[in-house]
Amino acid sequence: MRWLMVVYSIVLSGTLFAQESRQSAERYYQLGQEALSQGRLPEARDYFSKAIAENPGFSDAYTARARVHEKLNNYNSALLDYGLSLELVPDQFEVLF
């Protein structure tokens, strides 16, 4: 019984940590969108990078960071991020075009 409680505690704490990371990633993504809309490109790129660090499977953050790289004329990085986004969600028609 004690072993089961330990396992349950570990699983629960891991779940809470993952949820917190997703919320943090969403917050960074929103800050990045705000910075992008105001033309603060390096700041937007940094926020999108933080969102990706918190949630490496966040395909929208890769796509948004790719758009920033394009605007900064950093096409190699843009292509890399678009490719990573497509690896996560292959049927993103906007990214494919």
PDB file of N, CA and C in Angstrom:
ATOM      1  N   MET A   1       0.825  -1.189   0.000  1.00  0.00           N
ATOM      2  CA  MET A   1       0.000   0.000   0.000  1.00  0.00           C
ATOM      3  C   MET A   1       0.873   1.258   0.000  1.00  0.00           C
ATOM      4  N   ARG A   2       1.904   1.234   0.814  1.00  0.00           N
ATOM      5  CA  ARG A   2       2.795   2.389   0.910  1.00  0.00           C
ATOM      6  C   ARG A   2       3.480   2.639  -0.435  1.00  0.00           C
ATOM      7  N   TRP A   3       3.906   1.579  -1.088  1.00  0.00           N
ATOM      8  CA  TRP A   3       4.560   1.679  -2.401  1.00  0.00           C
ATOM      9  C   TRP A   3       3.620   2.311  -3.408  1.00  0.00           C
ATOM     10  N   LEU A   4       2.349   1.933  -3.383  1.00  0.00           N
ATOM     11  CA  LEU A   4       1.351   2.475  -4.290  1.00  0.00           C
ATOM     12  C   LEU A   4       1.172   3.979  -4.068  1.00  0.00           C
ATOM     13  N   MET A   5       1.209   4.406  -2.822  1.00  0.00           N
ATOM     14  CA  MET A   5       1.074   5.833  -2.517  1.00  0.00           C
ATOM     15  C   MET A   5       2.282   6.617  -3.023  1.00  0.00           C
ATOM     16  N   VAL A   6       3.456   6.047  -2.942  1.00  0.00           N
ATOM     17  CA  VAL A   6       4.668   6.703  -3.442  1.00  0.00           C
ATOM     18  C   VAL A   6       4.584   6.847  -4.952  1.00  0.00           C
ATOM     19  N   VAL A   7       4.197   5.786  -5.645  1.00  0.00           N
ATOM     20  CA  VAL A   7       4.063   5.832  -7.103  1.00  0.00           C
ATOM     21  C   VAL A   7       3.013   6.861  -7.495  1.00  0.00           C
ATOM     22  N   TYR A   8       1.884   6.868  -6.820  1.00  0.00           N
ATOM     23  CA  TYR A   8       0.822   7.824  -7.103  1.00  0.00           C
ATOM     24  C   TYR A   8       1.310   9.261  -6.912  1.00  0.00           C
ATOM     25  N   SER A   9       2.065   9.505  -5.873  1.00  0.00           N
ATOM     26  CA  SER A   9       2.602  10.846  -5.611  1.00  0.00           C
ATOM     27  C   SER A   9       3.553  11.290  -6.714  1.00  0.00           C
ATOM     28  N   ILE A  10       4.370  10.382  -7.184  1.00  0.00           N
ATOM     29  CA  ILE A  10       5.316  10.710  -8.255  1.00  0.00           C
ATOM     30  C   ILE A  10       4.571  11.018  -9.546  1.00  0.00           C
ATOM     31  N   VAL A  11       3.589  10.213  -9.879  1.00  0.00           N
ATOM     32  CA  VAL A  11       2.803  10.433 -11.096  1.00  0.00           C
ATOM     33  C   VAL A  11       2.047  11.753 -11.005  1.00  0.00           C
ATOM     34  N   LEU A  12       1.445  12.018  -9.872  1.00  0.00           N
ATOM     35  CA  LEU A  12       0.691  13.251  -9.689  1.00  0.00           C
ATOM     36  C   LEU A  12       1.593  14.471  -9.801  1.00  0.00           C
ATOM     37  N   SER A  13       2.772  14.430  -9.196  1.00  0.00           N
ATOM     38  CA  SER A  13       3.675  15.576  -9.274  1.00  0.00           C
ATOM     39  C   SER A  13       4.173  15.784 -10.699  1.00  0.00           C
ATOM     40  N   GLY A  14       4.412  14.707 -11.428  1.00  0.00           N
ATOM     41  CA  GLY A  14       4.819  14.825 -12.829  1.00  0.00           C
ATOM     42  C   GLY A  14       3.732  15.431 -13.684  1.00  0.00           C
ATOM     43  N   THR A  15       2.503  15.050 -13.431  1.00  0.00           N
ATOM     44  CA  THR A  15       1.365  15.601 -14.168  1.00  0.00           C
ATOM     45  C   THR A  15       1.207  17.087 -13.880  1.00  0.00           C
ATOM     46  N   LEU A  16       1.320  17.470 -12.630  1.00  0.00           N
ATOM     47  CA  LEU A  16       1.204  18.885 -12.272  1.00  0.00           C
ATOM     48  C   LEU A  16       2.321  19.706 -12.892  1.00  0.00           C
ATOM     49  N   PHE A  17       3.541  19.159 -12.921  1.00  0.00           N
ATOM     50  CA  PHE A  17       4.663  19.862 -13.532  1.00  0.00           C
ATOM     51  C   PHE A  17       4.432  20.051 -15.023  1.00  0.00           C
ATOM     52  N   ALA A  18       3.932  19.025 -15.702  1.00  0.00           N
ATOM     53  CA  ALA A  18       3.671  19.127 -17.145  1.00  0.00           C
ATOM     54  C   ALA A  18       2.605  20.170 -17.430  1.00  0.00           C
ATOM     55  N   GLN A  19       1.571  20.213 -16.609  1.00  0.00           N
ATOM     56  CA  GLN A  19       0.509  21.204 -16.791  1.00  0.00           C
ATOM     57  C   GLN A  19       1.054  22.613 -16.575  1.00  0.00           C
ATOM     58  N   GLU A  20       1.891  22.775 -15.582  1.00  0.00           N
ATOM     59  CA  GLU A  20       2.495  24.076 -15.303  1.00  0.00           C
ATOM     60  C   GLU A  20       3.392  24.517 -16.459  1.00  0.00           C
ATOM     61  N   SER A  21       4.134  23.596 -17.043  1.00  0.00           N
ATOM     62  CA  SER A  21       4.997  23.918 -18.179  1.00  0.00           C
ATOM     63  C   SER A  21       4.175  24.357 -19.384  1.00  0.00           C
ATOM     64  N   ARG A  22       3.051  23.673 -19.632  1.00  0.00           N
ATOM     65  CA  ARG A  22       2.194  24.062 -20.758  1.00  0.00           C
ATOM     66  C   ARG A  22       1.613  25.455 -20.547  1.00  0.00           C
ATOM     67  N   GLN A  23       1.197  25.749 -19.325  1.00  0.00           N
ATOM     68  CA  GLN A  23       0.648  27.079 -19.029  1.00  0.00           C
ATOM     69  C   GLN A  23       1.725  28.144 -19.193  1.00  0.00           C
ATOM     70  N   SER A  24       2.915  27.850 -18.747  1.00  0.00           N
ATOM     71  CA  SER A  24       4.024  28.777 -18.889  1.00  0.00           C
ATOM     72  C   SER A  24       4.352  28.989 -20.367  1.00  0.00           C
ATOM     73  N   ALA A  25       4.334  27.910 -21.139  1.00  0.00           N
ATOM     74  CA  ALA A  25       4.599  28.009 -22.575  1.00  0.00           C
ATOM     75  C   ALA A  25       3.537  28.868 -23.258  1.00  0.00           C
ATOM     76  N   GLU A  26       2.285  28.685 -22.880  1.00  0.00           N
ATOM     77  CA  GLU A  26       1.203  29.492 -23.450  1.00  0.00           C
ATOM     78  C   GLU A  26       1.399  30.971 -23.127  1.00  0.00           C
ATOM     79  N   ARG A  27       1.815  31.239 -21.914  1.00  0.00           N
ATOM     80  CA  ARG A  27       2.032  32.636 -21.500  1.00  0.00           C
ATOM     81  C   ARG A  27       3.165  33.266 -22.320  1.00  0.00           C
ATOM     82  N   TYR A  28       4.271  32.552 -22.464  1.00  0.00           N
ATOM     83  CA  TYR A  28       5.381  33.061 -23.283  1.00  0.00           C
ATOM     84  C   TYR A  28       4.944  33.262 -24.732  1.00  0.00           C
ATOM     85  N   TYR A  29       4.127  32.334 -25.230  1.00  0.00           N
ATOM     86  CA  TYR A  29       3.628  32.451 -26.597  1.00  0.00           C
ATOM     87  C   TYR A  29       2.792  33.727 -26.755  1.00  0.00           C
ATOM     88  N   GLN A  30       1.911  33.984 -25.801  1.00  0.00           N
ATOM     89  CA  GLN A  30       1.085  35.192 -25.864  1.00  0.00           C
ATOM     90  C   GLN A  30       1.945  36.461 -25.796  1.00  0.00           C
ATOM     91  N   LEU A  31       2.945  36.450 -24.943  1.00  0.00           N
ATOM     92  CA  LEU A  31       3.858  37.602 -24.863  1.00  0.00           C
ATOM     93  C   LEU A  31       4.604  37.778 -26.184  1.00  0.00           C
ATOM     94  N   GLY A  32       4.974  36.674 -26.802  1.00  0.00           N
ATOM     95  CA  GLY A  32       5.641  36.737 -28.098  1.00  0.00           C
ATOM     96  C   GLY A  32       4.731  37.311 -29.168  1.00  0.00           C
ATOM     97  N   GLN A  33       3.468  36.912 -29.149  1.00  0.00           N
ATOM     98  CA  GLN A  33       2.512  37.453 -30.112  1.00  0.00           C
ATOM     99  C   GLN A  33       2.331  38.961 -29.933  1.00  0.00           C
ATOM    100  N   GLU A  34       2.265  39.401 -28.684  1.00  0.00           N
ATOM    101  CA  GLU A  34       2.142  40.841 -28.406  1.00  0.00           C
ATOM    102  C   GLU A  34       3.370  41.599 -28.909  1.00  0.00           C
ATOM    103  N   ALA A  35       4.546  41.065 -28.618  1.00  0.00           N
ATOM    104  CA  ALA A  35       5.779  41.716 -29.071  1.00  0.00           C
ATOM    105  C   ALA A  35       5.842  41.740 -30.602  1.00  0.00           C
ATOM    106  N   LEU A  36       5.438  40.651 -31.240  1.00  0.00           N
ATOM    107  CA  LEU A  36       5.437  40.582 -32.700  1.00  0.00           C
ATOM    108  C   LEU A  36       4.489  41.625 -33.289  1.00  0.00           C
ATOM    109  N   SER A  37       3.307  41.746 -32.715  1.00  0.00           N
ATOM    110  CA  SER A  37       2.333  42.704 -33.244  1.00  0.00           C
ATOM    111  C   SER A  37       2.795  44.149 -33.070  1.00  0.00           C
ATOM    112  N   GLN A  38       3.694  44.374 -32.117  1.00  0.00           N
ATOM    113  CA  GLN A  38       4.228  45.716 -31.887  1.00  0.00           C
ATOM    114  C   GLN A  38       5.562  45.937 -32.587  1.00  0.00           C
ATOM    115  N   GLY A  39       5.998  44.942 -33.362  1.00  0.00           N
ATOM    116  CA  GLY A  39       7.225  45.087 -34.137  1.00  0.00           C
ATOM    117  C   GLY A  39       8.510  44.889 -33.356  1.00  0.00           C
ATOM    118  N   ARG A  40       8.418  44.368 -32.146  1.00  0.00           N
ATOM    119  CA  ARG A  40       9.618  44.107 -31.333  1.00  0.00           C
ATOM    120  C   ARG A  40      10.093  42.686 -31.626  1.00  0.00           C
ATOM    121  N   LEU A  41      10.746  42.536 -32.772  1.00  0.00           N
ATOM    122  CA  LEU A  41      11.065  41.209 -33.298  1.00  0.00           C
ATOM    123  C   LEU A  41      12.041  40.404 -32.443  1.00  0.00           C
ATOM    124  N   PRO A  42      13.177  40.973 -32.010  1.00  0.00           N
ATOM    125  CA  PRO A  42      14.077  40.161 -31.180  1.00  0.00           C
ATOM    126  C   PRO A  42      13.423  39.702 -29.872  1.00  0.00           C
ATOM    127  N   GLU A  43      12.599  40.561 -29.299  1.00  0.00           N
ATOM    128  CA  GLU A  43      11.893  40.197 -28.067  1.00  0.00           C
ATOM    129  C   GLU A  43      10.880  39.083 -28.344  1.00  0.00           C
ATOM    130  N   ALA A  44      10.172  39.199 -29.456  1.00  0.00           N
ATOM    131  CA  ALA A  44       9.205  38.162 -29.836  1.00  0.00           C
ATOM    132  C   ALA A  44       9.914  36.827 -30.030  1.00  0.00           C
ATOM    133  N   ARG A  45      11.040  36.850 -30.716  1.00  0.00           N
ATOM    134  CA  ARG A  45      11.806  35.614 -30.943  1.00  0.00           C
ATOM    135  C   ARG A  45      12.203  34.987 -29.611  1.00  0.00           C
ATOM    136  N   ASP A  46      12.636  35.811 -28.671  1.00  0.00           N
ATOM    137  CA  ASP A  46      13.033  35.289 -27.366  1.00  0.00           C
ATOM    138  C   ASP A  46      11.851  34.658 -26.624  1.00  0.00           C
ATOM    139  N   TYR A  47      10.688  35.284 -26.682  1.00  0.00           N
ATOM    140  CA  TYR A  47       9.508  34.713 -26.026  1.00  0.00           C
ATOM    141  C   TYR A  47       9.098  33.395 -26.671  1.00  0.00           C
ATOM    142  N   PHE A  48       9.130  33.335 -27.996  1.00  0.00           N
ATOM    143  CA  PHE A  48       8.773  32.083 -28.657  1.00  0.00           C
ATOM    144  C   PHE A  48       9.784  30.989 -28.319  1.00  0.00           C
ATOM    145  N   SER A  49      11.040  31.354 -28.203  1.00  0.00           N
ATOM    146  CA  SER A  49      12.068  30.380 -27.811  1.00  0.00           C
ATOM    147  C   SER A  49      11.817  29.868 -26.392  1.00  0.00           C
ATOM    148  N   LYS A  50      11.393  30.747 -25.505  1.00  0.00           N
ATOM    149  CA  LYS A  50      11.077  30.320 -24.134  1.00  0.00           C
ATOM    150  C   LYS A  50       9.857  29.406 -24.123  1.00  0.00           C
ATOM    151  N   ALA A  51       8.878  29.707 -24.963  1.00  0.00           N
ATOM    152  CA  ALA A  51       7.700  28.840 -25.054  1.00  0.00           C
ATOM    153  C   ALA A  51       8.102  27.447 -25.520  1.00  0.00           C
ATOM    154  N   ILE A  52       8.992  27.386 -26.485  1.00  0.00           N
ATOM    155  CA  ILE A  52       9.467  26.101 -26.998  1.00  0.00           C
ATOM    156  C   ILE A  52      10.273  25.363 -25.937  1.00  0.00           C
ATOM    157  N   ALA A  53      11.068  26.092 -25.163  1.00  0.00           N
ATOM    158  CA  ALA A  53      11.849  25.459 -24.100  1.00  0.00           C
ATOM    159  C   ALA A  53      10.929  24.845 -23.040  1.00  0.00           C
ATOM    160  N   GLU A  54       9.822  25.492 -22.767  1.00  0.00           N
ATOM    161  CA  GLU A  54       8.869  24.977 -21.783  1.00  0.00           C
ATOM    162  C   GLU A  54       8.065  23.802 -22.336  1.00  0.00           C
ATOM    163  N   ASN A  55       7.764  23.857 -23.633  1.00  0.00           N
ATOM    164  CA  ASN A  55       6.966  22.801 -24.266  1.00  0.00           C
ATOM    165  C   ASN A  55       7.514  22.530 -25.665  1.00  0.00           C
ATOM    166  N   PRO A  56       8.464  21.620 -25.792  1.00  0.00           N
ATOM    167  CA  PRO A  56       9.094  21.353 -27.090  1.00  0.00           C
ATOM    168  C   PRO A  56       8.137  20.850 -28.172  1.00  0.00           C
ATOM    169  N   GLY A  57       6.947  20.459 -27.822  1.00  0.00           N
ATOM    170  CA  GLY A  57       5.977  19.996 -28.794  1.00  0.00           C
ATOM    171  C   GLY A  57       4.979  21.060 -29.222  1.00  0.00           C
ATOM    172  N   PHE A  58       5.277  22.316 -28.955  1.00  0.00           N
ATOM    173  CA  PHE A  58       4.368  23.436 -29.216  1.00  0.00           C
ATOM    174  C   PHE A  58       4.589  23.927 -30.650  1.00  0.00           C
ATOM    175  N   SER A  59       3.907  23.309 -31.598  1.00  0.00           N
ATOM    176  CA  SER A  59       4.158  23.596 -33.013  1.00  0.00           C
ATOM    177  C   SER A  59       3.852  25.046 -33.383  1.00  0.00           C
ATOM    178  N   ASP A  60       2.836  25.653 -32.775  1.00  0.00           N
ATOM    179  CA  ASP A  60       2.515  27.050 -33.093  1.00  0.00           C
ATOM    180  C   ASP A  60       3.652  27.993 -32.714  1.00  0.00           C
ATOM    181  N   ALA A  61       4.375  27.661 -31.662  1.00  0.00           N
ATOM    182  CA  ALA A  61       5.509  28.499 -31.259  1.00  0.00           C
ATOM    183  C   ALA A  61       6.640  28.404 -32.281  1.00  0.00           C
ATOM    184  N   TYR A  62       6.861  27.207 -32.837  1.00  0.00           N
ATOM    185  CA  TYR A  62       7.871  27.070 -33.891  1.00  0.00           C
ATOM    186  C   TYR A  62       7.479  27.882 -35.120  1.00  0.00           C
ATOM    187  N   THR A  63       6.200  27.819 -35.485  1.00  0.00           N
ATOM    188  CA  THR A  63       5.715  28.556 -36.649  1.00  0.00           C
ATOM    189  C   THR A  63       5.850  30.058 -36.437  1.00  0.00           C
ATOM    190  N   ALA A  64       5.484  30.517 -35.255  1.00  0.00           N
ATOM    191  CA  ALA A  64       5.576  31.951 -34.962  1.00  0.00           C
ATOM    192  C   ALA A  64       7.033  32.412 -34.958  1.00  0.00           C
ATOM    193  N   ARG A  65       7.903  31.595 -34.375  1.00  0.00           N
ATOM    194  CA  ARG A  65       9.320  31.969 -34.359  1.00  0.00           C
ATOM    195  C   ARG A  65       9.882  31.973 -35.768  1.00  0.00           C
ATOM    196  N   ALA A  66       9.419  31.063 -36.620  1.00  0.00           N
ATOM    197  CA  ALA A  66       9.856  31.042 -38.019  1.00  0.00           C
ATOM    198  C   ALA A  66       9.457  32.332 -38.725  1.00  0.00           C
ATOM    199  N   ARG A  67       8.236  32.813 -38.466  1.00  0.00           N
ATOM    200  CA  ARG A  67       7.799  34.082 -39.069  1.00  0.00           C
ATOM    201  C   ARG A  67       8.700  35.226 -38.633  1.00  0.00           C
ATOM    202  N   VAL A  68       9.086  35.226 -37.365  1.00  0.00           N
ATOM    203  CA  VAL A  68       9.990  36.272 -36.861  1.00  0.00           C
ATOM    204  C   VAL A  68      11.339  36.166 -37.562  1.00  0.00           C
ATOM    205  N   HIS A  69      11.857  34.944 -37.692  1.00  0.00           N
ATOM    206  CA  HIS A  69      13.133  34.760 -38.389  1.00  0.00           C
ATOM    207  C   HIS A  69      13.056  35.277 -39.824  1.00  0.00           C
ATOM    208  N   GLU A  70      11.929  35.027 -40.482  1.00  0.00           N
ATOM    209  CA  GLU A  70      11.749  35.546 -41.845  1.00  0.00           C
ATOM    210  C   GLU A  70      11.828  37.068 -41.866  1.00  0.00           C
ATOM    211  N   LYS A  71      11.140  37.705 -40.947  1.00  0.00           N
ATOM    212  CA  LYS A  71      11.136  39.171 -40.891  1.00  0.00           C
ATOM    213  C   LYS A  71      12.523  39.725 -40.574  1.00  0.00           C
ATOM    214  N   LEU A  72      13.326  38.923 -39.872  1.00  0.00           N
ATOM    215  CA  LEU A  72      14.699  39.329 -39.553  1.00  0.00           C
ATOM    216  C   LEU A  72      15.687  38.893 -40.637  1.00  0.00           C
ATOM    217  N   ASN A  73      15.171  38.384 -41.752  1.00  0.00           N
ATOM    218  CA  ASN A  73      15.981  37.913 -42.881  1.00  0.00           C
ATOM    219  C   ASN A  73      16.932  36.780 -42.505  1.00  0.00           C
ATOM    220  N   ASN A  74      16.531  35.981 -41.538  1.00  0.00           N
ATOM    221  CA  ASN A  74      17.305  34.817 -41.127  1.00  0.00           C
ATOM    222  C   ASN A  74      16.577  33.580 -41.673  1.00  0.00           C
ATOM    223  N   TYR A  75      16.735  33.364 -42.986  1.00  0.00           N
ATOM    224  CA  TYR A  75      15.942  32.357 -43.677  1.00  0.00           C
ATOM    225  C   TYR A  75      16.302  30.929 -43.301  1.00  0.00           C
ATOM    226  N   ASN A  76      17.562  30.664 -42.994  1.00  0.00           N
ATOM    227  CA  ASN A  76      17.946  29.305 -42.588  1.00  0.00           C
ATOM    228  C   ASN A  76      17.248  28.907 -41.291  1.00  0.00           C
ATOM    229  N   SER A  77      17.218  29.816 -40.339  1.00  0.00           N
ATOM    230  CA  SER A  77      16.535  29.529 -39.073  1.00  0.00           C
ATOM    231  C   SER A  77      15.032  29.403 -39.282  1.00  0.00           C
ATOM    232  N   ALA A  78      14.494  30.233 -40.175  1.00  0.00           N
ATOM    233  CA  ALA A  78      13.060  30.158 -40.476  1.00  0.00           C
ATOM    234  C   ALA A  78      12.715  28.787 -41.057  1.00  0.00           C
ATOM    235  N   LEU A  79      13.511  28.317 -42.014  1.00  0.00           N
ATOM    236  CA  LEU A  79      13.253  27.009 -42.612  1.00  0.00           C
ATOM    237  C   LEU A  79      13.376  25.884 -41.585  1.00  0.00           C
ATOM    238  N   LEU A  80      14.331  26.007 -40.698  1.00  0.00           N
ATOM    239  CA  LEU A  80      14.498  25.003 -39.649  1.00  0.00           C
ATOM    240  C   LEU A  80      13.250  24.944 -38.768  1.00  0.00           C
ATOM    241  N   ASP A  81      12.763  26.110 -38.333  1.00  0.00           N
ATOM    242  CA  ASP A  81      11.584  26.138 -37.467  1.00  0.00           C
ATOM    243  C   ASP A  81      10.330  25.666 -38.200  1.00  0.00           C
ATOM    244  N   TYR A  82      10.178  26.053 -39.468  1.00  0.00           N
ATOM    245  CA  TYR A  82       9.035  25.555 -40.230  1.00  0.00           C
ATOM    246  C   TYR A  82       9.098  24.033 -40.345  1.00  0.00           C
ATOM    247  N   GLY A  83      10.284  23.511 -40.582  1.00  0.00           N
ATOM    248  CA  GLY A  83      10.448  22.065 -40.667  1.00  0.00           C
ATOM    249  C   GLY A  83      10.110  21.360 -39.368  1.00  0.00           C
ATOM    250  N   LEU A  84      10.552  21.930 -38.250  1.00  0.00           N
ATOM    251  CA  LEU A  84      10.242  21.337 -36.949  1.00  0.00           C
ATOM    252  C   LEU A  84       8.742  21.372 -36.671  1.00  0.00           C
ATOM    253  N   SER A  85       8.113  22.464 -37.045  1.00  0.00           N
ATOM    254  CA  SER A  85       6.675  22.580 -36.865  1.00  0.00           C
ATOM    255  C   SER A  85       5.942  21.517 -37.686  1.00  0.00           C
ATOM    256  N   LEU A  86       6.385  21.315 -38.918  1.00  0.00           N
ATOM    257  CA  LEU A  86       5.760  20.303 -39.771  1.00  0.00           C
ATOM    258  C   LEU A  86       6.014  18.885 -39.265  1.00  0.00           C
ATOM    259  N   GLU A  87       7.138  18.663 -38.627  1.00  0.00           N
ATOM    260  CA  GLU A  87       7.400  17.347 -38.035  1.00  0.00           C
ATOM    261  C   GLU A  87       6.374  17.050 -36.953  1.00  0.00           C
ATOM    262  N   LEU A  88       5.993  18.079 -36.213  1.00  0.00           N
ATOM    263  CA  LEU A  88       5.032  17.896 -35.124  1.00  0.00           C
ATOM    264  C   LEU A  88       3.602  17.772 -35.644  1.00  0.00           C
ATOM    265  N   VAL A  89       3.252  18.604 -36.621  1.00  0.00           N
ATOM    266  CA  VAL A  89       1.896  18.601 -37.191  1.00  0.00           C
ATOM    267  C   VAL A  89       2.034  18.684 -38.709  1.00  0.00           C
ATOM    268  N   PRO A  90       2.092  17.543 -39.394  1.00  0.00           N
ATOM    269  CA  PRO A  90       2.396  17.522 -40.826  1.00  0.00           C
ATOM    270  C   PRO A  90       1.370  18.190 -41.740  1.00  0.00           C
ATOM    271  N   ASP A  91       0.140  18.330 -41.316  1.00  0.00           N
ATOM    272  CA  ASP A  91      -0.878  18.865 -42.221  1.00  0.00           C
ATOM    273  C   ASP A  91      -1.200  20.348 -41.989  1.00  0.00           C
ATOM    274  N   GLN A  92      -0.210  21.119 -41.627  1.00  0.00           N
ATOM    275  CA  GLN A  92      -0.401  22.566 -41.452  1.00  0.00           C
ATOM    276  C   GLN A  92      -0.287  23.230 -42.822  1.00  0.00           C
ATOM    277  N   PHE A  93      -1.409  23.510 -43.423  1.00  0.00           N
ATOM    278  CA  PHE A  93      -1.401  24.025 -44.781  1.00  0.00           C
ATOM    279  C   PHE A  93      -0.748  25.408 -44.869  1.00  0.00           C
ATOM    280  N   GLU A  94      -0.934  26.230 -43.854  1.00  0.00           N
ATOM    281  CA  GLU A  94      -0.310  27.561 -43.846  1.00  0.00           C
ATOM    282  C   GLU A  94       1.204  27.446 -43.889  1.00  0.00           C
ATOM    283  N   VAL A  95       1.747  26.518 -43.135  1.00  0.00           N
ATOM    284  CA  VAL A  95       3.202  26.335 -43.084  1.00  0.00           C
ATOM    285  C   VAL A  95       3.700  25.720 -44.389  1.00  0.00           C
ATOM    286  N   LEU A  96       2.935  24.825 -44.969  1.00  0.00           N
ATOM    287  CA  LEU A  96       3.342  24.195 -46.219  1.00  0.00           C
ATOM    288  C   LEU A  96       3.484  25.210 -47.356  1.00  0.00           C
ATOM    289  N   PHE A  97       2.643  26.244 -47.350  1.00  0.00           N
ATOM    290  CA  PHE A  97       2.729  27.271 -48.388  1.00  0.00           C
ATOM    291  C   PHE A  97       3.780  28.270 -48.021  1.00  0.00           C
TER     292      PHE A  97
END
